[in-house]
Amino acid sequence: MKNTNGKWKASKRYDLKKNLVGISIDDTEKKIGVMTTYSSKQLPMDEVQANANLIASAPELLTACKYALGVLESIPEEYAELIADILDESVDTGMIEDAILKAEGK
């Protein structure tokens, strides 16, 4: 499964026929289809906007997770133990690995 790497943005979208206001997610190179979530009585517009912002940040979040995982995995064992002592717990990369796998559909 391959995803687009382009920058995504969330912007307001209007459906005047249905009298709805929503958010669309578009990439700058128009490689993805428009995904739109409309506000409803069950989901206020601020929540729709917050969800759209999260979706739009997905490519950058995936890149950041992969980078952070690489950095953490490159820490020599003796430094990892020192960091664990400072944090008073071990550094667990499982959460980052799980998020990457989920984003990649695995």
PDB file of N, CA and C in Angstrom:
ATOM      1  N   MET A   1       0.847  -1.175   0.000  1.00  0.00           N
ATOM      2  CA  MET A   1       0.000   0.000   0.000  1.00  0.00           C
ATOM      3  C   MET A   1       0.892   1.238   0.000  1.00  0.00           C
ATOM      4  N   LYS A   2       0.597   2.173  -0.886  1.00  0.00           N
ATOM      5  CA  LYS A   2       1.387   3.390  -1.011  1.00  0.00           C
ATOM      6  C   LYS A   2       0.495   4.587  -0.755  1.00  0.00           C
ATOM      7  N   ASN A   3       1.010   5.539  -0.010  1.00  0.00           N
ATOM      8  CA  ASN A   3       0.265   6.769   0.246  1.00  0.00           C
ATOM      9  C   ASN A   3       0.957   7.934  -0.460  1.00  0.00           C
ATOM     10  N   THR A   4       0.240   9.035  -0.610  1.00  0.00           N
ATOM     11  CA  THR A   4       0.853  10.221  -1.204  1.00  0.00           C
ATOM     12  C   THR A   4       1.715  10.910  -0.158  1.00  0.00           C
ATOM     13  N   ASN A   5       2.790  11.508  -0.609  1.00  0.00           N
ATOM     14  CA  ASN A   5       3.719  12.182   0.313  1.00  0.00           C
ATOM     15  C   ASN A   5       3.533  13.686   0.323  1.00  0.00           C
ATOM     16  N   GLY A   6       2.676  14.193  -0.533  1.00  0.00           N
ATOM     17  CA  GLY A   6       2.509  15.630  -0.648  1.00  0.00           C
ATOM     18  C   GLY A   6       1.967  16.267   0.611  1.00  0.00           C
ATOM     19  N   LYS A   7       2.128  17.550   0.720  1.00  0.00           N
ATOM     20  CA  LYS A   7       1.568  18.265   1.867  1.00  0.00           C
ATOM     21  C   LYS A   7       0.057  18.353   1.692  1.00  0.00           C
ATOM     22  N   TRP A   8      -0.669  18.029   2.747  1.00  0.00           N
ATOM     23  CA  TRP A   8      -2.120  18.086   2.737  1.00  0.00           C
ATOM     24  C   TRP A   8      -2.564  19.311   3.504  1.00  0.00           C
ATOM     25  N   LYS A   9      -3.708  19.854   3.130  1.00  0.00           N
ATOM     26  CA  LYS A   9      -4.253  21.006   3.855  1.00  0.00           C
ATOM     27  C   LYS A   9      -5.744  20.811   4.060  1.00  0.00           C
ATOM     28  N   ALA A  10      -6.214  21.354   5.150  1.00  0.00           N
ATOM     29  CA  ALA A  10      -7.640  21.309   5.459  1.00  0.00           C
ATOM     30  C   ALA A  10      -8.223  22.683   5.160  1.00  0.00           C
ATOM     31  N   SER A  11      -9.319  22.714   4.426  1.00  0.00           N
ATOM     32  CA  SER A  11      -9.946  24.003   4.137  1.00  0.00           C
ATOM     33  C   SER A  11     -11.466  23.860   4.189  1.00  0.00           C
ATOM     34  N   LYS A  12     -12.128  24.957   4.497  1.00  0.00           N
ATOM     35  CA  LYS A  12     -13.590  24.922   4.596  1.00  0.00           C
ATOM     36  C   LYS A  12     -14.195  24.696   3.216  1.00  0.00           C
ATOM     37  N   ARG A  13     -15.303  23.980   3.232  1.00  0.00           N
ATOM     38  CA  ARG A  13     -16.004  23.637   1.998  1.00  0.00           C
ATOM     39  C   ARG A  13     -17.497  23.834   2.257  1.00  0.00           C
ATOM     40  N   TYR A  14     -18.182  24.317   1.257  1.00  0.00           N
ATOM     41  CA  TYR A  14     -19.607  24.608   1.418  1.00  0.00           C
ATOM     42  C   TYR A  14     -20.422  23.820   0.400  1.00  0.00           C
ATOM     43  N   ASP A  15     -21.522  23.273   0.853  1.00  0.00           N
ATOM     44  CA  ASP A  15     -22.490  22.631  -0.033  1.00  0.00           C
ATOM     45  C   ASP A  15     -23.778  23.426   0.120  1.00  0.00           C
ATOM     46  N   LEU A  16     -23.948  24.394  -0.765  1.00  0.00           N
ATOM     47  CA  LEU A  16     -25.084  25.305  -0.631  1.00  0.00           C
ATOM     48  C   LEU A  16     -26.417  24.610  -0.860  1.00  0.00           C
ATOM     49  N   LYS A  17     -26.417  23.565  -1.688  1.00  0.00           N
ATOM     50  CA  LYS A  17     -27.670  22.835  -1.951  1.00  0.00           C
ATOM     51  C   LYS A  17     -28.178  22.152  -0.690  1.00  0.00           C
ATOM     52  N   LYS A  18     -27.253  21.647   0.117  1.00  0.00           N
ATOM     53  CA  LYS A  18     -27.645  20.936   1.338  1.00  0.00           C
ATOM     54  C   LYS A  18     -27.506  21.813   2.577  1.00  0.00           C
ATOM     55  N   ASN A  19     -27.064  23.069   2.385  1.00  0.00           N
ATOM     56  CA  ASN A  19     -26.879  24.008   3.482  1.00  0.00           C
ATOM     57  C   ASN A  19     -25.912  23.453   4.534  1.00  0.00           C
ATOM     58  N   LEU A  20     -24.788  22.897   4.075  1.00  0.00           N
ATOM     59  CA  LEU A  20     -23.794  22.309   4.969  1.00  0.00           C
ATOM     60  C   LEU A  20     -22.454  23.005   4.815  1.00  0.00           C
ATOM     61  N   VAL A  21     -21.727  23.035   5.898  1.00  0.00           N
ATOM     62  CA  VAL A  21     -20.354  23.533   5.880  1.00  0.00           C
ATOM     63  C   VAL A  21     -19.477  22.374   6.303  1.00  0.00           C
ATOM     64  N   GLY A  22     -18.385  22.158   5.593  1.00  0.00           N
ATOM     65  CA  GLY A  22     -17.509  21.044   5.929  1.00  0.00           C
ATOM     66  C   GLY A  22     -16.052  21.394   5.711  1.00  0.00           C
ATOM     67  N   ILE A  23     -15.222  20.388   5.832  1.00  0.00           N
ATOM     68  CA  ILE A  23     -13.787  20.541   5.668  1.00  0.00           C
ATOM     69  C   ILE A  23     -13.346  19.556   4.595  1.00  0.00           C
ATOM     70  N   SER A  24     -12.544  20.014   3.649  1.00  0.00           N
ATOM     71  CA  SER A  24     -11.986  19.093   2.670  1.00  0.00           C
ATOM     72  C   SER A  24     -10.482  18.991   2.893  1.00  0.00           C
ATOM     73  N   ILE A  25      -9.936  17.824   2.587  1.00  0.00           N
ATOM     74  CA  ILE A  25      -8.505  17.589   2.705  1.00  0.00           C
ATOM     75  C   ILE A  25      -7.971  17.465   1.283  1.00  0.00           C
ATOM     76  N   ASP A  26      -7.054  18.335   0.910  1.00  0.00           N
ATOM     77  CA  ASP A  26      -6.465  18.318  -0.426  1.00  0.00           C
ATOM     78  C   ASP A  26      -4.953  18.329  -0.298  1.00  0.00           C
ATOM     79  N   ASP A  27      -4.271  17.710  -1.258  1.00  0.00           N
ATOM     80  CA  ASP A  27      -2.827  17.867  -1.291  1.00  0.00           C
ATOM     81  C   ASP A  27      -2.483  18.920  -2.328  1.00  0.00           C
ATOM     82  N   THR A  28      -1.293  19.492  -2.209  1.00  0.00           N
ATOM     83  CA  THR A  28      -0.908  20.615  -3.061  1.00  0.00           C
ATOM     84  C   THR A  28      -0.738  20.207  -4.514  1.00  0.00           C
ATOM     85  N   GLU A  29      -0.491  18.932  -4.769  1.00  0.00           N
ATOM     86  CA  GLU A  29      -0.299  18.474  -6.141  1.00  0.00           C
ATOM     87  C   GLU A  29      -1.547  17.783  -6.691  1.00  0.00           C
ATOM     88  N   LYS A  30      -2.654  17.798  -5.935  1.00  0.00           N
ATOM     89  CA  LYS A  30      -3.930  17.209  -6.346  1.00  0.00           C
ATOM     90  C   LYS A  30      -3.796  15.732  -6.723  1.00  0.00           C
ATOM     91  N   LYS A  31      -2.979  15.003  -5.958  1.00  0.00           N
ATOM     92  CA  LYS A  31      -2.825  13.574  -6.197  1.00  0.00           C
ATOM     93  C   LYS A  31      -3.874  12.758  -5.448  1.00  0.00           C
ATOM     94  N   ILE A  32      -4.469  13.347  -4.419  1.00  0.00           N
ATOM     95  CA  ILE A  32      -5.485  12.614  -3.664  1.00  0.00           C
ATOM     96  C   ILE A  32      -6.852  13.147  -4.009  1.00  0.00           C
ATOM     97  N   GLY A  33      -7.831  12.299  -3.833  1.00  0.00           N
ATOM     98  CA  GLY A  33      -9.201  12.751  -3.985  1.00  0.00           C
ATOM     99  C   GLY A  33      -9.569  13.616  -2.795  1.00  0.00           C
ATOM    100  N   VAL A  34     -10.562  14.409  -2.958  1.00  0.00           N
ATOM    101  CA  VAL A  34     -11.013  15.262  -1.866  1.00  0.00           C
ATOM    102  C   VAL A  34     -11.794  14.424  -0.874  1.00  0.00           C
ATOM    103  N   MET A  35     -11.408  14.495   0.384  1.00  0.00           N
ATOM    104  CA  MET A  35     -12.146  13.835   1.453  1.00  0.00           C
ATOM    105  C   MET A  35     -12.871  14.928   2.214  1.00  0.00           C
ATOM    106  N   THR A  36     -14.146  14.817   2.343  1.00  0.00           N
ATOM    107  CA  THR A  36     -14.910  15.879   2.987  1.00  0.00           C
ATOM    108  C   THR A  36     -15.710  15.336   4.150  1.00  0.00           C
ATOM    109  N   THR A  37     -15.657  16.055   5.254  1.00  0.00           N
ATOM    110  CA  THR A  37     -16.482  15.742   6.412  1.00  0.00           C
ATOM    111  C   THR A  37     -17.335  16.965   6.682  1.00  0.00           C
ATOM    112  N   TYR A  38     -18.639  16.782   6.740  1.00  0.00           N
ATOM    113  CA  TYR A  38     -19.535  17.903   6.980  1.00  0.00           C
ATOM    114  C   TYR A  38     -19.971  17.954   8.429  1.00  0.00           C
ATOM    115  N   SER A  39     -20.147  19.167   8.892  1.00  0.00           N
ATOM    116  CA  SER A  39     -20.647  19.395  10.237  1.00  0.00           C
ATOM    117  C   SER A  39     -22.102  18.943  10.313  1.00  0.00           C
ATOM    118  N   SER A  40     -22.454  18.438  11.462  1.00  0.00           N
ATOM    119  CA  SER A  40     -23.839  18.028  11.673  1.00  0.00           C
ATOM    120  C   SER A  40     -24.225  18.370  13.108  1.00  0.00           C
ATOM    121  N   LYS A  41     -25.452  18.078  13.458  1.00  0.00           N
ATOM    122  CA  LYS A  41     -25.881  18.345  14.826  1.00  0.00           C
ATOM    123  C   LYS A  41     -25.128  17.469  15.820  1.00  0.00           C
ATOM    124  N   GLN A  42     -24.689  16.278  15.385  1.00  0.00           N
ATOM    125  CA  GLN A  42     -23.983  15.370  16.275  1.00  0.00           C
ATOM    126  C   GLN A  42     -22.510  15.746  16.447  1.00  0.00           C
ATOM    127  N   LEU A  43     -21.943  16.417  15.449  1.00  0.00           N
ATOM    128  CA  LEU A  43     -20.519  16.746  15.483  1.00  0.00           C
ATOM    129  C   LEU A  43     -20.340  18.228  15.177  1.00  0.00           C
ATOM    130  N   PRO A  44     -19.999  19.018  16.193  1.00  0.00           N
ATOM    131  CA  PRO A  44     -19.849  20.461  15.989  1.00  0.00           C
ATOM    132  C   PRO A  44     -18.710  20.782  15.013  1.00  0.00           C
ATOM    133  N   MET A  45     -18.792  21.941  14.392  1.00  0.00           N
ATOM    134  CA  MET A  45     -17.814  22.343  13.386  1.00  0.00           C
ATOM    135  C   MET A  45     -16.392  22.375  13.939  1.00  0.00           C
ATOM    136  N   ASP A  46     -16.219  22.769  15.200  1.00  0.00           N
ATOM    137  CA  ASP A  46     -14.858  22.811  15.744  1.00  0.00           C
ATOM    138  C   ASP A  46     -14.250  21.410  15.836  1.00  0.00           C
ATOM    139  N   GLU A  47     -15.069  20.391  16.086  1.00  0.00           N
ATOM    140  CA  GLU A  47     -14.564  19.017  16.094  1.00  0.00           C
ATOM    141  C   GLU A  47     -14.269  18.536  14.680  1.00  0.00           C
ATOM    142  N   VAL A  48     -15.122  18.912  13.739  1.00  0.00           N
ATOM    143  CA  VAL A  48     -14.864  18.573  12.340  1.00  0.00           C
ATOM    144  C   VAL A  48     -13.533  19.188  11.915  1.00  0.00           C
ATOM    145  N   GLN A  49     -13.303  20.455  12.272  1.00  0.00           N
ATOM    146  CA  GLN A  49     -12.049  21.135  11.932  1.00  0.00           C
ATOM    147  C   GLN A  49     -10.860  20.453  12.594  1.00  0.00           C
ATOM    148  N   ALA A  50     -10.993  20.096  13.866  1.00  0.00           N
ATOM    149  CA  ALA A  50      -9.897  19.428  14.579  1.00  0.00           C
ATOM    150  C   ALA A  50      -9.573  18.079  13.933  1.00  0.00           C
ATOM    151  N   ASN A  51     -10.588  17.318  13.562  1.00  0.00           N
ATOM    152  CA  ASN A  51     -10.362  16.033  12.895  1.00  0.00           C
ATOM    153  C   ASN A  51      -9.708  16.231  11.534  1.00  0.00           C
ATOM    154  N   ALA A  52     -10.162  17.231  10.794  1.00  0.00           N
ATOM    155  CA  ALA A  52      -9.580  17.514   9.477  1.00  0.00           C
ATOM    156  C   ALA A  52      -8.116  17.925   9.609  1.00  0.00           C
ATOM    157  N   ASN A  53      -7.811  18.734  10.612  1.00  0.00           N
ATOM    158  CA  ASN A  53      -6.410  19.137  10.837  1.00  0.00           C
ATOM    159  C   ASN A  53      -5.536  17.928  11.141  1.00  0.00           C
ATOM    160  N   LEU A  54      -6.051  16.995  11.936  1.00  0.00           N
ATOM    161  CA  LEU A  54      -5.309  15.780  12.257  1.00  0.00           C
ATOM    162  C   LEU A  54      -5.072  14.943  11.005  1.00  0.00           C
ATOM    163  N   ILE A  55      -6.114  14.771  10.193  1.00  0.00           N
ATOM    164  CA  ILE A  55      -5.975  14.009   8.950  1.00  0.00           C
ATOM    165  C   ILE A  55      -4.973  14.692   8.022  1.00  0.00           C
ATOM    166  N   ALA A  56      -5.080  16.013   7.897  1.00  0.00           N
ATOM    167  CA  ALA A  56      -4.190  16.751   6.999  1.00  0.00           C
ATOM    168  C   ALA A  56      -2.735  16.669   7.436  1.00  0.00           C
ATOM    169  N   SER A  57      -2.482  16.480   8.728  1.00  0.00           N
ATOM    170  CA  SER A  57      -1.108  16.404   9.227  1.00  0.00           C
ATOM    171  C   SER A  57      -0.530  14.988   9.144  1.00  0.00           C
ATOM    172  N   ALA A  58      -1.329  14.024   8.689  1.00  0.00           N
ATOM    173  CA  ALA A  58      -0.901  12.621   8.675  1.00  0.00           C
ATOM    174  C   ALA A  58       0.420  12.366   7.950  1.00  0.00           C
ATOM    175  N   PRO A  59       0.644  12.901   6.748  1.00  0.00           N
ATOM    176  CA  PRO A  59       1.933  12.622   6.098  1.00  0.00           C
ATOM    177  C   PRO A  59       3.133  13.110   6.913  1.00  0.00           C
ATOM    178  N   GLU A  60       3.025  14.302   7.494  1.00  0.00           N
ATOM    179  CA  GLU A  60       4.117  14.833   8.299  1.00  0.00           C
ATOM    180  C   GLU A  60       4.293  14.035   9.593  1.00  0.00           C
ATOM    181  N   LEU A  61       3.185  13.605  10.189  1.00  0.00           N
ATOM    182  CA  LEU A  61       3.270  12.801  11.408  1.00  0.00           C
ATOM    183  C   LEU A  61       3.944  11.459  11.136  1.00  0.00           C
ATOM    184  N   LEU A  62       3.620  10.836  10.008  1.00  0.00           N
ATOM    185  CA  LEU A  62       4.248   9.566   9.653  1.00  0.00           C
ATOM    186  C   LEU A  62       5.753   9.748   9.446  1.00  0.00           C
ATOM    187  N   THR A  63       6.133  10.796   8.739  1.00  0.00           N
ATOM    188  CA  THR A  63       7.558  11.083   8.528  1.00  0.00           C
ATOM    189  C   THR A  63       8.260  11.332   9.859  1.00  0.00           C
ATOM    190  N   ALA A  64       7.630  12.093  10.751  1.00  0.00           N
ATOM    191  CA  ALA A  64       8.219  12.393  12.051  1.00  0.00           C
ATOM    192  C   ALA A  64       8.371  11.126  12.893  1.00  0.00           C
ATOM    193  N   CYS A  65       7.379  10.245  12.845  1.00  0.00           N
ATOM    194  CA  CYS A  65       7.467   8.982  13.596  1.00  0.00           C
ATOM    195  C   CYS A  65       8.612   8.118  13.080  1.00  0.00           C
ATOM    196  N   LYS A  66       8.742   8.026  11.767  1.00  0.00           N
ATOM    197  CA  LYS A  66       9.832   7.226  11.196  1.00  0.00           C
ATOM    198  C   LYS A  66      11.189   7.810  11.576  1.00  0.00           C
ATOM    199  N   TYR A  67      11.297   9.130  11.558  1.00  0.00           N
ATOM    200  CA  TYR A  67      12.539   9.792  11.951  1.00  0.00           C
ATOM    201  C   TYR A  67      12.850   9.533  13.425  1.00  0.00           C
ATOM    202  N   ALA A  68      11.854   9.741  14.283  1.00  0.00           N
ATOM    203  CA  ALA A  68      12.056   9.546  15.720  1.00  0.00           C
ATOM    204  C   ALA A  68      12.438   8.104  16.029  1.00  0.00           C
ATOM    205  N   LEU A  69      11.787   7.152  15.370  1.00  0.00           N
ATOM    206  CA  LEU A  69      12.112   5.745  15.579  1.00  0.00           C
ATOM    207  C   LEU A  69      13.556   5.468  15.176  1.00  0.00           C
ATOM    208  N   GLY A  70      13.978   6.005  14.042  1.00  0.00           N
ATOM    209  CA  GLY A  70      15.359   5.830  13.600  1.00  0.00           C
ATOM    210  C   GLY A  70      16.361   6.398  14.591  1.00  0.00           C
ATOM    211  N   VAL A  71      16.059   7.581  15.129  1.00  0.00           N
ATOM    212  CA  VAL A  71      16.943   8.203  16.122  1.00  0.00           C
ATOM    213  C   VAL A  71      17.016   7.343  17.382  1.00  0.00           C
ATOM    214  N   LEU A  72      15.863   6.922  17.874  1.00  0.00           N
ATOM    215  CA  LEU A  72      15.842   6.114  19.095  1.00  0.00           C
ATOM    216  C   LEU A  72      16.554   4.781  18.911  1.00  0.00           C
ATOM    217  N   GLU A  73      16.376   4.166  17.752  1.00  0.00           N
ATOM    218  CA  GLU A  73      17.020   2.875  17.506  1.00  0.00           C
ATOM    219  C   GLU A  73      18.526   2.998  17.296  1.00  0.00           C
ATOM    220  N   SER A  74      19.002   4.202  16.987  1.00  0.00           N
ATOM    221  CA  SER A  74      20.436   4.392  16.768  1.00  0.00           C
ATOM    222  C   SER A  74      21.204   4.727  18.049  1.00  0.00           C
ATOM    223  N   ILE A  75      20.506   4.902  19.151  1.00  0.00           N
ATOM    224  CA  ILE A  75      21.164   5.227  20.421  1.00  0.00           C
ATOM    225  C   ILE A  75      21.897   3.980  20.922  1.00  0.00           C
ATOM    226  N   PRO A  76      23.210   4.109  21.167  1.00  0.00           N
ATOM    227  CA  PRO A  76      23.957   2.962  21.704  1.00  0.00           C
ATOM    228  C   PRO A  76      23.366   2.505  23.044  1.00  0.00           C
ATOM    229  N   GLU A  77      23.481   1.226  23.312  1.00  0.00           N
ATOM    230  CA  GLU A  77      22.867   0.614  24.497  1.00  0.00           C
ATOM    231  C   GLU A  77      23.248   1.319  25.802  1.00  0.00           C
ATOM    232  N   GLU A  78      24.537   1.678  25.946  1.00  0.00           N
ATOM    233  CA  GLU A  78      24.944   2.311  27.208  1.00  0.00           C
ATOM    234  C   GLU A  78      24.275   3.661  27.417  1.00  0.00           C
ATOM    235  N   TYR A  79      24.015   4.386  26.320  1.00  0.00           N
ATOM    236  CA  TYR A  79      23.322   5.670  26.446  1.00  0.00           C
ATOM    237  C   TYR A  79      21.826   5.453  26.669  1.00  0.00           C
ATOM    238  N   ALA A  80      21.294   4.430  26.058  1.00  0.00           N
ATOM    239  CA  ALA A  80      19.877   4.111  26.261  1.00  0.00           C
ATOM    240  C   ALA A  80      19.610   3.810  27.735  1.00  0.00           C
ATOM    241  N   GLU A  81      20.534   3.094  28.366  1.00  0.00           N
ATOM    242  CA  GLU A  81      20.381   2.799  29.794  1.00  0.00           C
ATOM    243  C   GLU A  81      20.466   4.080  30.621  1.00  0.00           C
ATOM    244  N   LEU A  82      21.369   4.987  30.250  1.00  0.00           N
ATOM    245  CA  LEU A  82      21.501   6.263  30.958  1.00  0.00           C
ATOM    246  C   LEU A  82      20.221   7.083  30.802  1.00  0.00           C
ATOM    247  N   ILE A  83      19.693   7.130  29.595  1.00  0.00           N
ATOM    248  CA  ILE A  83      18.444   7.854  29.348  1.00  0.00           C
ATOM    249  C   ILE A  83      17.306   7.238  30.162  1.00  0.00           C
ATOM    250  N   ALA A  84      17.261   5.913  30.216  1.00  0.00           N
ATOM    251  CA  ALA A  84      16.229   5.226  30.998  1.00  0.00           C
ATOM    252  C   ALA A  84      16.341   5.592  32.469  1.00  0.00           C
ATOM    253  N   ASP A  85      17.579   5.699  32.970  1.00  0.00           N
ATOM    254  CA  ASP A  85      17.767   6.097  34.371  1.00  0.00           C
ATOM    255  C   ASP A  85      17.284   7.528  34.605  1.00  0.00           C
ATOM    256  N   ILE A  86      17.581   8.418  33.674  1.00  0.00           N
ATOM    257  CA  ILE A  86      17.156   9.815  33.810  1.00  0.00           C
ATOM    258  C   ILE A  86      15.636   9.915  33.760  1.00  0.00           C
ATOM    259  N   LEU A  87      15.016   9.177  32.845  1.00  0.00           N
ATOM    260  CA  LEU A  87      13.557   9.215  32.703  1.00  0.00           C
ATOM    261  C   LEU A  87      12.847   8.370  33.754  1.00  0.00           C
ATOM    262  N   ASP A  88      13.607   7.544  34.444  1.00  0.00           N
ATOM    263  CA  ASP A  88      13.091   6.609  35.434  1.00  0.00           C
ATOM    264  C   ASP A  88      12.199   5.554  34.781  1.00  0.00           C
ATOM    265  N   GLU A  89      12.439   5.294  33.520  1.00  0.00           N
ATOM    266  CA  GLU A  89      11.771   4.213  32.796  1.00  0.00           C
ATOM    267  C   GLU A  89      12.516   3.972  31.489  1.00  0.00           C
ATOM    268  N   SER A  90      12.320   2.811  30.929  1.00  0.00           N
ATOM    269  CA  SER A  90      13.002   2.507  29.679  1.00  0.00           C
ATOM    270  C   SER A  90      12.294   3.197  28.521  1.00  0.00           C
ATOM    271  N   VAL A  91      13.046   3.422  27.458  1.00  0.00           N
ATOM    272  CA  VAL A  91      12.486   4.026  26.260  1.00  0.00           C
ATOM    273  C   VAL A  91      11.836   2.911  25.447  1.00  0.00           C
ATOM    274  N   ASP A  92      10.523   2.988  25.289  1.00  0.00           N
ATOM    275  CA  ASP A  92       9.765   1.967  24.572  1.00  0.00           C
ATOM    276  C   ASP A  92       9.371   2.524  23.216  1.00  0.00           C
ATOM    277  N   THR A  93       9.862   1.907  22.164  1.00  0.00           N
ATOM    278  CA  THR A  93       9.550   2.363  20.807  1.00  0.00           C
ATOM    279  C   THR A  93       8.300   1.694  20.244  1.00  0.00           C
ATOM    280  N   GLY A  94       7.691   0.815  21.011  1.00  0.00           N
ATOM    281  CA  GLY A  94       6.532   0.062  20.539  1.00  0.00           C
ATOM    282  C   GLY A  94       5.381   0.933  20.068  1.00  0.00           C
ATOM    283  N   MET A  95       5.112   2.025  20.771  1.00  0.00           N
ATOM    284  CA  MET A  95       4.005   2.896  20.411  1.00  0.00           C
ATOM    285  C   MET A  95       4.256   3.537  19.037  1.00  0.00           C
ATOM    286  N   ILE A  96       5.498   3.945  18.798  1.00  0.00           N
ATOM    287  CA  ILE A  96       5.842   4.551  17.515  1.00  0.00           C
ATOM    288  C   ILE A  96       5.759   3.502  16.403  1.00  0.00           C
ATOM    289  N   GLU A  97       6.290   2.322  16.670  1.00  0.00           N
ATOM    290  CA  GLU A  97       6.253   1.238  15.681  1.00  0.00           C
ATOM    291  C   GLU A  97       4.806   0.882  15.329  1.00  0.00           C
ATOM    292  N   ASP A  98       3.932   0.802  16.334  1.00  0.00           N
ATOM    293  CA  ASP A  98       2.523   0.466  16.107  1.00  0.00           C
ATOM    294  C   ASP A  98       1.835   1.535  15.257  1.00  0.00           C
ATOM    295  N   ALA A  99       2.140   2.812  15.546  1.00  0.00           N
ATOM    296  CA  ALA A  99       1.522   3.906  14.784  1.00  0.00           C
ATOM    297  C   ALA A  99       1.964   3.859  13.320  1.00  0.00           C
ATOM    298  N   ILE A 100       3.232   3.575  13.079  1.00  0.00           N
ATOM    299  CA  ILE A 100       3.742   3.468  11.711  1.00  0.00           C
ATOM    300  C   ILE A 100       3.062   2.315  10.978  1.00  0.00           C
ATOM    301  N   LEU A 101       2.985   1.168  11.633  1.00  0.00           N
ATOM    302  CA  LEU A 101       2.328   0.011  11.007  1.00  0.00           C
ATOM    303  C   LEU A 101       0.869   0.297  10.681  1.00  0.00           C
ATOM    304  N   LYS A 102       0.171   0.962  11.588  1.00  0.00           N
ATOM    305  CA  LYS A 102      -1.234   1.295  11.352  1.00  0.00           C
ATOM    306  C   LYS A 102      -1.362   2.259  10.171  1.00  0.00           C
ATOM    307  N   ALA A 103      -0.487   3.260  10.121  1.00  0.00           N
ATOM    308  CA  ALA A 103      -0.534   4.229   9.027  1.00  0.00           C
ATOM    309  C   ALA A 103      -0.236   3.576   7.685  1.00  0.00           C
ATOM    310  N   GLU A 104       0.574   2.522   7.710  1.00  0.00           N
ATOM    311  CA  GLU A 104       0.942   1.818   6.480  1.00  0.00           C
ATOM    312  C   GLU A 104      -0.019   0.659   6.167  1.00  0.00           C
ATOM    313  N   GLY A 105      -1.057   0.514   6.971  1.00  0.00           N
ATOM    314  CA  GLY A 105      -2.076  -0.509   6.722  1.00  0.00           C
ATOM    315  C   GLY A 105      -1.608  -1.918   6.995  1.00  0.00           C
ATOM    316  N   LYS A 106      -0.692  -2.061   7.927  1.00  0.00           N
ATOM    317  CA  LYS A 106      -0.161  -3.403   8.250  1.00  0.00           C
ATOM    318  C   LYS A 106      -0.669  -3.875   9.586  1.00  0.00           C
TER     319      LYS A 106
END
